[in-house]
Amino acid sequence: MRARKRPTITVGVGAAAVAVLGAGIIAAPAHAEPQGYTEVEYGVGFFYGSFDEDPNYVLLVGGSAEEFCDVGGDDPFGTAEPGTATARIFERKNGVVDIKVNSRNQPIYLYESDLGGPGFIEEFCDIYFDEDPATTVADPVATGKAKLKVRTSVISESSADVFNSVNGTLEAGDGTTYTVRAAADVLIRDDVPVGNPADFISFDLTEIRR
């Protein structure tokens, strides 16, 4: 498996940020606790990846591709949240609701695919559910753990400022170790990310030389 040795920013597939908007509104409590925030359980299901590179990679956060399929059903890359974390919900006086997550040891799975995140998951789940013994799903090329950060400001029912990132380590079956950093920083309006993915997605995979 080949990985970039220097940091790069590429077009990629970010986290399921659209789902965060809806989740943030639903999770918002009526009143904050005395410490100024309320803690709630937060579903984790993010994906990032490279674009138009050789090879292309898809990084899943929160669970394996199989778990995304099992949890997401007909919409595994839009609503699947196989993992969990604790979120702090802050209600601001101006009506904005801030969601903050700092979670360590989130499971991460790296796959090789030319389809990008949504296409990869869609194809994977089709094969996973087809019950045909002649077809087999792809194994991850590396697995590991990462620190997850989420900073989402729900501005209104139709818009949110979304940031999420992961920073972790992966190990392949042959013992090769990698570090990975990925992030999405995007404004969501009416469930649609605003702008070019090249401007708000970053993905960097680096082999650790020993």
C-alpha atoms as a PDB file:
ATOM      1  CA  MET A   1       0.000   0.000   0.000  1.00  0.00           C
ATOM      2  CA  ARG A   2       1.349   3.392  -0.970  1.00  0.00           C
ATOM      3  CA  ALA A   3       0.713   6.548   1.005  1.00  0.00           C
ATOM      4  CA  ARG A   4       1.787  10.138   0.649  1.00  0.00           C
ATOM      5  CA  LYS A   5       4.890  11.042   2.621  1.00  0.00           C
ATOM      6  CA  ARG A   6       4.171  14.774   2.814  1.00  0.00           C
ATOM      7  CA  PRO A   7       1.050  16.580   4.022  1.00  0.00           C
ATOM      8  CA  THR A   8      -1.453  17.368   1.298  1.00  0.00           C
ATOM      9  CA  ILE A   9      -4.932  18.782   1.036  1.00  0.00           C
ATOM     10  CA  THR A  10      -7.128  17.023  -1.481  1.00  0.00           C
ATOM     11  CA  VAL A  11     -10.707  16.991  -2.576  1.00  0.00           C
ATOM     12  CA  GLY A  12     -12.419  14.300  -0.572  1.00  0.00           C
ATOM     13  CA  VAL A  13     -15.600  13.137   1.046  1.00  0.00           C
ATOM     14  CA  GLY A  14     -16.223  14.636   4.438  1.00  0.00           C
ATOM     15  CA  ALA A  15     -18.292  13.532   7.370  1.00  0.00           C
ATOM     16  CA  ALA A  16     -22.028  13.106   7.202  1.00  0.00           C
ATOM     17  CA  ALA A  17     -22.318  16.772   8.061  1.00  0.00           C
ATOM     18  CA  VAL A  18     -25.863  17.173   6.812  1.00  0.00           C
ATOM     19  CA  ALA A  19     -27.085  14.689   9.410  1.00  0.00           C
ATOM     20  CA  VAL A  20     -25.342  16.688  12.124  1.00  0.00           C
ATOM     21  CA  LEU A  21     -27.611  19.652  11.473  1.00  0.00           C
ATOM     22  CA  GLY A  22     -30.762  17.680  12.132  1.00  0.00           C
ATOM     23  CA  ALA A  23     -29.245  15.841  15.064  1.00  0.00           C
ATOM     24  CA  GLY A  24     -28.119  19.086  16.633  1.00  0.00           C
ATOM     25  CA  ILE A  25     -31.576  20.615  16.537  1.00  0.00           C
ATOM     26  CA  ILE A  26     -33.225  17.492  17.920  1.00  0.00           C
ATOM     27  CA  ALA A  27     -30.648  17.051  20.681  1.00  0.00           C
ATOM     28  CA  ALA A  28     -30.834  20.647  21.886  1.00  0.00           C
ATOM     29  CA  PRO A  29     -32.228  20.671  25.446  1.00  0.00           C
ATOM     30  CA  ALA A  30     -34.852  23.060  26.710  1.00  0.00           C
ATOM     31  CA  HIS A  31     -32.543  24.370  29.426  1.00  0.00           C
ATOM     32  CA  ALA A  32     -28.842  24.049  30.060  1.00  0.00           C
ATOM     33  CA  GLU A  33     -27.487  22.589  33.271  1.00  0.00           C
ATOM     34  CA  PRO A  34     -25.854  24.877  35.899  1.00  0.00           C
ATOM     35  CA  GLN A  35     -22.425  24.381  34.311  1.00  0.00           C
ATOM     36  CA  GLY A  36     -23.735  25.999  31.140  1.00  0.00           C
ATOM     37  CA  TYR A  37     -24.169  22.931  28.973  1.00  0.00           C
ATOM     38  CA  THR A  38     -26.008  19.635  28.776  1.00  0.00           C
ATOM     39  CA  GLU A  39     -24.322  16.335  27.946  1.00  0.00           C
ATOM     40  CA  VAL A  40     -26.036  14.020  25.480  1.00  0.00           C
ATOM     41  CA  GLU A  41     -25.159  10.852  23.608  1.00  0.00           C
ATOM     42  CA  TYR A  42     -23.885  11.672  20.123  1.00  0.00           C
ATOM     43  CA  GLY A  43     -23.924   9.305  17.161  1.00  0.00           C
ATOM     44  CA  VAL A  44     -20.611   8.988  15.281  1.00  0.00           C
ATOM     45  CA  GLY A  45     -20.540   8.113  11.596  1.00  0.00           C
ATOM     46  CA  PHE A  46     -18.075  10.123   9.513  1.00  0.00           C
ATOM     47  CA  PHE A  47     -16.183   9.490   6.308  1.00  0.00           C
ATOM     48  CA  TYR A  48     -13.319  11.247   4.594  1.00  0.00           C
ATOM     49  CA  GLY A  49     -11.171  10.393   1.596  1.00  0.00           C
ATOM     50  CA  SER A  50      -8.823  11.273  -1.213  1.00  0.00           C
ATOM     51  CA  PHE A  51      -9.949  12.125  -4.726  1.00  0.00           C
ATOM     52  CA  ASP A  52      -8.451  11.383  -8.122  1.00  0.00           C
ATOM     53  CA  GLU A  53      -5.273   9.923  -6.651  1.00  0.00           C
ATOM     54  CA  ASP A  54      -3.567   6.560  -7.064  1.00  0.00           C
ATOM     55  CA  PRO A  55      -4.644   4.825  -4.955  1.00  0.00           C
ATOM     56  CA  ASN A  56      -7.774   6.516  -3.614  1.00  0.00           C
ATOM     57  CA  TYR A  57      -8.721   5.973   0.003  1.00  0.00           C
ATOM     58  CA  VAL A  58     -11.889   6.182   2.087  1.00  0.00           C
ATOM     59  CA  LEU A  59     -11.593   6.597   5.860  1.00  0.00           C
ATOM     60  CA  LEU A  60     -14.592   5.598   7.981  1.00  0.00           C
ATOM     61  CA  VAL A  61     -14.890   6.851  11.554  1.00  0.00           C
ATOM     62  CA  GLY A  62     -17.133   5.230  14.146  1.00  0.00           C
ATOM     63  CA  GLY A  63     -17.386   1.785  12.635  1.00  0.00           C
ATOM     64  CA  SER A  64     -16.459  -0.549   9.810  1.00  0.00           C
ATOM     65  CA  ALA A  65     -18.160  -0.537   6.428  1.00  0.00           C
ATOM     66  CA  GLU A  66     -20.252  -3.513   7.554  1.00  0.00           C
ATOM     67  CA  GLU A  67     -21.440  -1.536  10.572  1.00  0.00           C
ATOM     68  CA  PHE A  68     -22.327   1.451   8.382  1.00  0.00           C
ATOM     69  CA  CYS A  69     -24.465  -0.901   6.261  1.00  0.00           C
ATOM     70  CA  ASP A  70     -26.145  -2.522   9.265  1.00  0.00           C
ATOM     71  CA  VAL A  71     -26.989   0.794  10.924  1.00  0.00           C
ATOM     72  CA  GLY A  72     -27.717   2.907   7.864  1.00  0.00           C
ATOM     73  CA  GLY A  73     -29.925   0.553   5.882  1.00  0.00           C
ATOM     74  CA  ASP A  74     -31.052   2.333   2.710  1.00  0.00           C
ATOM     75  CA  ASP A  75     -28.950   5.442   3.431  1.00  0.00           C
ATOM     76  CA  PRO A  76     -25.648   4.234   4.944  1.00  0.00           C
ATOM     77  CA  PHE A  77     -23.605   7.304   4.014  1.00  0.00           C
ATOM     78  CA  GLY A  78     -26.267   9.813   4.998  1.00  0.00           C
ATOM     79  CA  THR A  79     -27.648   8.618   8.312  1.00  0.00           C
ATOM     80  CA  ALA A  80     -25.432   5.791   9.572  1.00  0.00           C
ATOM     81  CA  GLU A  81     -23.927   6.424  13.007  1.00  0.00           C
ATOM     82  CA  PRO A  82     -22.418   3.120  14.192  1.00  0.00           C
ATOM     83  CA  GLY A  83     -20.306   4.765  16.898  1.00  0.00           C
ATOM     84  CA  THR A  84     -21.104   6.896  19.924  1.00  0.00           C
ATOM     85  CA  ALA A  85     -19.527   9.737  21.866  1.00  0.00           C
ATOM     86  CA  THR A  86     -20.580  12.326  24.431  1.00  0.00           C
ATOM     87  CA  ALA A  87     -21.512  15.783  23.199  1.00  0.00           C
ATOM     88  CA  ARG A  88     -21.843  19.003  25.136  1.00  0.00           C
ATOM     89  CA  ILE A  89     -24.770  21.154  24.025  1.00  0.00           C
ATOM     90  CA  PHE A  90     -24.566  24.903  24.650  1.00  0.00           C
ATOM     91  CA  GLU A  91     -27.604  27.126  24.160  1.00  0.00           C
ATOM     92  CA  ARG A  92     -26.603  30.702  23.390  1.00  0.00           C
ATOM     93  CA  LYS A  93     -28.726  33.742  24.157  1.00  0.00           C
ATOM     94  CA  ASN A  94     -28.873  34.604  20.450  1.00  0.00           C
ATOM     95  CA  GLY A  95     -30.581  31.288  19.699  1.00  0.00           C
ATOM     96  CA  VAL A  96     -27.526  29.490  18.333  1.00  0.00           C
ATOM     97  CA  VAL A  97     -26.952  25.954  19.615  1.00  0.00           C
ATOM     98  CA  ASP A  98     -23.319  24.824  19.793  1.00  0.00           C
ATOM     99  CA  ILE A  99     -22.425  21.124  19.787  1.00  0.00           C
ATOM    100  CA  LYS A 100     -18.945  20.146  20.975  1.00  0.00           C
ATOM    101  CA  VAL A 101     -17.366  16.691  21.019  1.00  0.00           C
ATOM    102  CA  ASN A 102     -13.911  15.606  22.136  1.00  0.00           C
ATOM    103  CA  SER A 103     -13.654  11.835  21.965  1.00  0.00           C
ATOM    104  CA  ARG A 104     -10.586   9.608  22.024  1.00  0.00           C
ATOM    105  CA  ASN A 105     -10.125   6.076  20.716  1.00  0.00           C
ATOM    106  CA  GLN A 106     -12.782   6.255  18.034  1.00  0.00           C
ATOM    107  CA  PRO A 107     -12.425   3.258  15.679  1.00  0.00           C
ATOM    108  CA  ILE A 108     -11.217   4.113  12.174  1.00  0.00           C
ATOM    109  CA  TYR A 109     -11.099   1.920   9.067  1.00  0.00           C
ATOM    110  CA  LEU A 110      -9.187   2.687   5.881  1.00  0.00           C
ATOM    111  CA  TYR A 111     -10.350   1.262   2.560  1.00  0.00           C
ATOM    112  CA  GLU A 112      -9.021   1.567  -0.969  1.00  0.00           C
ATOM    113  CA  SER A 113     -11.629   2.604  -3.541  1.00  0.00           C
ATOM    114  CA  ASP A 114     -11.945   4.684  -6.707  1.00  0.00           C
ATOM    115  CA  LEU A 115     -15.562   5.567  -5.915  1.00  0.00           C
ATOM    116  CA  GLY A 116     -15.195   8.058  -3.083  1.00  0.00           C
ATOM    117  CA  GLY A 117     -17.071   7.774   0.206  1.00  0.00           C
ATOM    118  CA  PRO A 118     -20.728   7.601  -0.913  1.00  0.00           C
ATOM    119  CA  GLY A 119     -20.001   5.428  -3.945  1.00  0.00           C
ATOM    120  CA  PHE A 120     -17.812   3.082  -1.941  1.00  0.00           C
ATOM    121  CA  ILE A 121     -20.392   2.603   0.815  1.00  0.00           C
ATOM    122  CA  GLU A 122     -23.228   2.126  -1.688  1.00  0.00           C
ATOM    123  CA  GLU A 123     -21.333  -0.552  -3.614  1.00  0.00           C
ATOM    124  CA  PHE A 124     -20.078  -2.189  -0.415  1.00  0.00           C
ATOM    125  CA  CYS A 125     -23.584  -2.456   1.053  1.00  0.00           C
ATOM    126  CA  ASP A 126     -25.022  -3.809  -2.209  1.00  0.00           C
ATOM    127  CA  ILE A 127     -22.504  -6.643  -2.072  1.00  0.00           C
ATOM    128  CA  TYR A 128     -22.852  -7.055   1.693  1.00  0.00           C
ATOM    129  CA  PHE A 129     -26.609  -7.596   1.440  1.00  0.00           C
ATOM    130  CA  ASP A 130     -26.790  -9.560  -1.846  1.00  0.00           C
ATOM    131  CA  GLU A 131     -26.456 -13.009  -0.156  1.00  0.00           C
ATOM    132  CA  ASP A 132     -24.379 -14.200  -3.096  1.00  0.00           C
ATOM    133  CA  PRO A 133     -21.453 -16.312  -1.879  1.00  0.00           C
ATOM    134  CA  ALA A 134     -19.619 -15.559  -5.124  1.00  0.00           C
ATOM    135  CA  THR A 135     -19.244 -11.886  -4.196  1.00  0.00           C
ATOM    136  CA  THR A 136     -17.216 -10.694  -1.239  1.00  0.00           C
ATOM    137  CA  VAL A 137     -16.852  -7.291   0.362  1.00  0.00           C
ATOM    138  CA  ALA A 138     -13.531  -5.477   0.574  1.00  0.00           C
ATOM    139  CA  ASP A 139     -11.446  -5.797   3.724  1.00  0.00           C
ATOM    140  CA  PRO A 140      -9.963  -2.629   5.242  1.00  0.00           C
ATOM    141  CA  VAL A 141      -6.347  -2.115   4.299  1.00  0.00           C
ATOM    142  CA  ALA A 142      -5.647  -0.697   7.767  1.00  0.00           C
ATOM    143  CA  THR A 143      -7.480  -0.121  11.044  1.00  0.00           C
ATOM    144  CA  GLY A 144      -6.821   1.942  14.135  1.00  0.00           C
ATOM    145  CA  LYS A 145      -8.010   4.562  16.592  1.00  0.00           C
ATOM    146  CA  ALA A 146      -8.349   8.322  16.364  1.00  0.00           C
ATOM    147  CA  LYS A 147      -9.237  11.398  18.366  1.00  0.00           C
ATOM    148  CA  LEU A 148     -12.444  12.986  17.114  1.00  0.00           C
ATOM    149  CA  LYS A 149     -13.309  16.663  17.434  1.00  0.00           C
ATOM    150  CA  VAL A 150     -16.656  18.159  16.494  1.00  0.00           C
ATOM    151  CA  ARG A 151     -17.589  21.832  16.637  1.00  0.00           C
ATOM    152  CA  THR A 152     -21.017  22.514  15.152  1.00  0.00           C
ATOM    153  CA  SER A 153     -23.009  25.723  15.493  1.00  0.00           C
ATOM    154  CA  VAL A 154     -26.666  25.246  14.617  1.00  0.00           C
ATOM    155  CA  ILE A 155     -27.603  28.713  13.449  1.00  0.00           C
ATOM    156  CA  SER A 156     -31.179  27.962  12.408  1.00  0.00           C
ATOM    157  CA  GLU A 157     -33.320  25.027  11.289  1.00  0.00           C
ATOM    158  CA  SER A 158     -31.830  25.389   7.811  1.00  0.00           C
ATOM    159  CA  SER A 159     -28.198  26.313   8.426  1.00  0.00           C
ATOM    160  CA  ALA A 160     -25.209  25.210  10.474  1.00  0.00           C
ATOM    161  CA  ASP A 161     -21.482  25.878  10.621  1.00  0.00           C
ATOM    162  CA  VAL A 162     -19.862  22.435  10.797  1.00  0.00           C
ATOM    163  CA  PHE A 163     -16.311  21.448  11.717  1.00  0.00           C
ATOM    164  CA  ASN A 164     -15.096  17.952  12.485  1.00  0.00           C
ATOM    165  CA  SER A 165     -11.686  16.316  12.453  1.00  0.00           C
ATOM    166  CA  VAL A 166      -9.872  13.107  13.268  1.00  0.00           C
ATOM    167  CA  ASN A 167      -6.242  12.532  14.153  1.00  0.00           C
ATOM    168  CA  GLY A 168      -5.126   8.950  14.590  1.00  0.00           C
ATOM    169  CA  THR A 169      -2.926   5.969  13.815  1.00  0.00           C
ATOM    170  CA  LEU A 170      -3.600   2.984  11.584  1.00  0.00           C
ATOM    171  CA  GLU A 171      -1.890  -0.384  11.177  1.00  0.00           C
ATOM    172  CA  ALA A 172      -2.057  -2.559   8.067  1.00  0.00           C
ATOM    173  CA  GLY A 173      -2.022  -6.347   8.064  1.00  0.00           C
ATOM    174  CA  ASP A 174       1.665  -6.418   7.194  1.00  0.00           C
ATOM    175  CA  GLY A 175       2.522  -4.303  10.229  1.00  0.00           C
ATOM    176  CA  THR A 176       2.974  -1.024   8.354  1.00  0.00           C
ATOM    177  CA  THR A 177       1.830   1.923  10.473  1.00  0.00           C
ATOM    178  CA  TYR A 178       0.306   5.184   9.269  1.00  0.00           C
ATOM    179  CA  THR A 179      -0.828   8.449  10.764  1.00  0.00           C
ATOM    180  CA  VAL A 180      -3.961  10.047   9.385  1.00  0.00           C
ATOM    181  CA  ARG A 181      -5.383  13.529   9.704  1.00  0.00           C
ATOM    182  CA  ALA A 182      -8.675  14.514   8.139  1.00  0.00           C
ATOM    183  CA  ALA A 183     -11.092  17.383   8.586  1.00  0.00           C
ATOM    184  CA  ALA A 184     -14.213  19.008   7.215  1.00  0.00           C
ATOM    185  CA  ASP A 185     -15.011  22.696   7.768  1.00  0.00           C
ATOM    186  CA  VAL A 186     -18.166  23.711   5.929  1.00  0.00           C
ATOM    187  CA  LEU A 187     -21.342  25.765   6.053  1.00  0.00           C
ATOM    188  CA  ILE A 188     -24.534  23.731   5.577  1.00  0.00           C
ATOM    189  CA  ARG A 189     -27.601  25.428   4.094  1.00  0.00           C
ATOM    190  CA  ASP A 190     -30.852  23.564   3.488  1.00  0.00           C
ATOM    191  CA  ASP A 191     -29.025  20.247   4.011  1.00  0.00           C
ATOM    192  CA  VAL A 192     -26.454  21.068   1.295  1.00  0.00           C
ATOM    193  CA  PRO A 193     -22.750  21.875   1.868  1.00  0.00           C
ATOM    194  CA  VAL A 194     -21.804  25.307   0.525  1.00  0.00           C
ATOM    195  CA  GLY A 195     -18.738  25.581  -1.725  1.00  0.00           C
ATOM    196  CA  ASN A 196     -16.228  23.337  -3.418  1.00  0.00           C
ATOM    197  CA  PRO A 197     -15.136  20.267  -1.430  1.00  0.00           C
ATOM    198  CA  ALA A 198     -11.527  21.173  -2.274  1.00  0.00           C
ATOM    199  CA  ASP A 199     -11.968  24.239  -0.101  1.00  0.00           C
ATOM    200  CA  PHE A 200     -13.425  22.563   2.982  1.00  0.00           C
ATOM    201  CA  ILE A 201     -12.094  18.992   3.061  1.00  0.00           C
ATOM    202  CA  SER A 202      -8.592  17.841   4.009  1.00  0.00           C
ATOM    203  CA  PHE A 203      -7.136  14.325   4.113  1.00  0.00           C
ATOM    204  CA  ASP A 204      -3.553  13.341   4.841  1.00  0.00           C
ATOM    205  CA  LEU A 205      -2.208   9.793   5.178  1.00  0.00           C
ATOM    206  CA  THR A 206       1.461   9.354   6.046  1.00  0.00           C
ATOM    207  CA  GLU A 207       3.476   6.161   6.467  1.00  0.00           C
ATOM    208  CA  ILE A 208       5.537   6.034   9.640  1.00  0.00           C
ATOM    209  CA  ARG A 209       9.112   5.165   8.777  1.00  0.00           C
ATOM    210  CA  ARG A 210      11.005   3.108  11.334  1.00  0.00           C
END
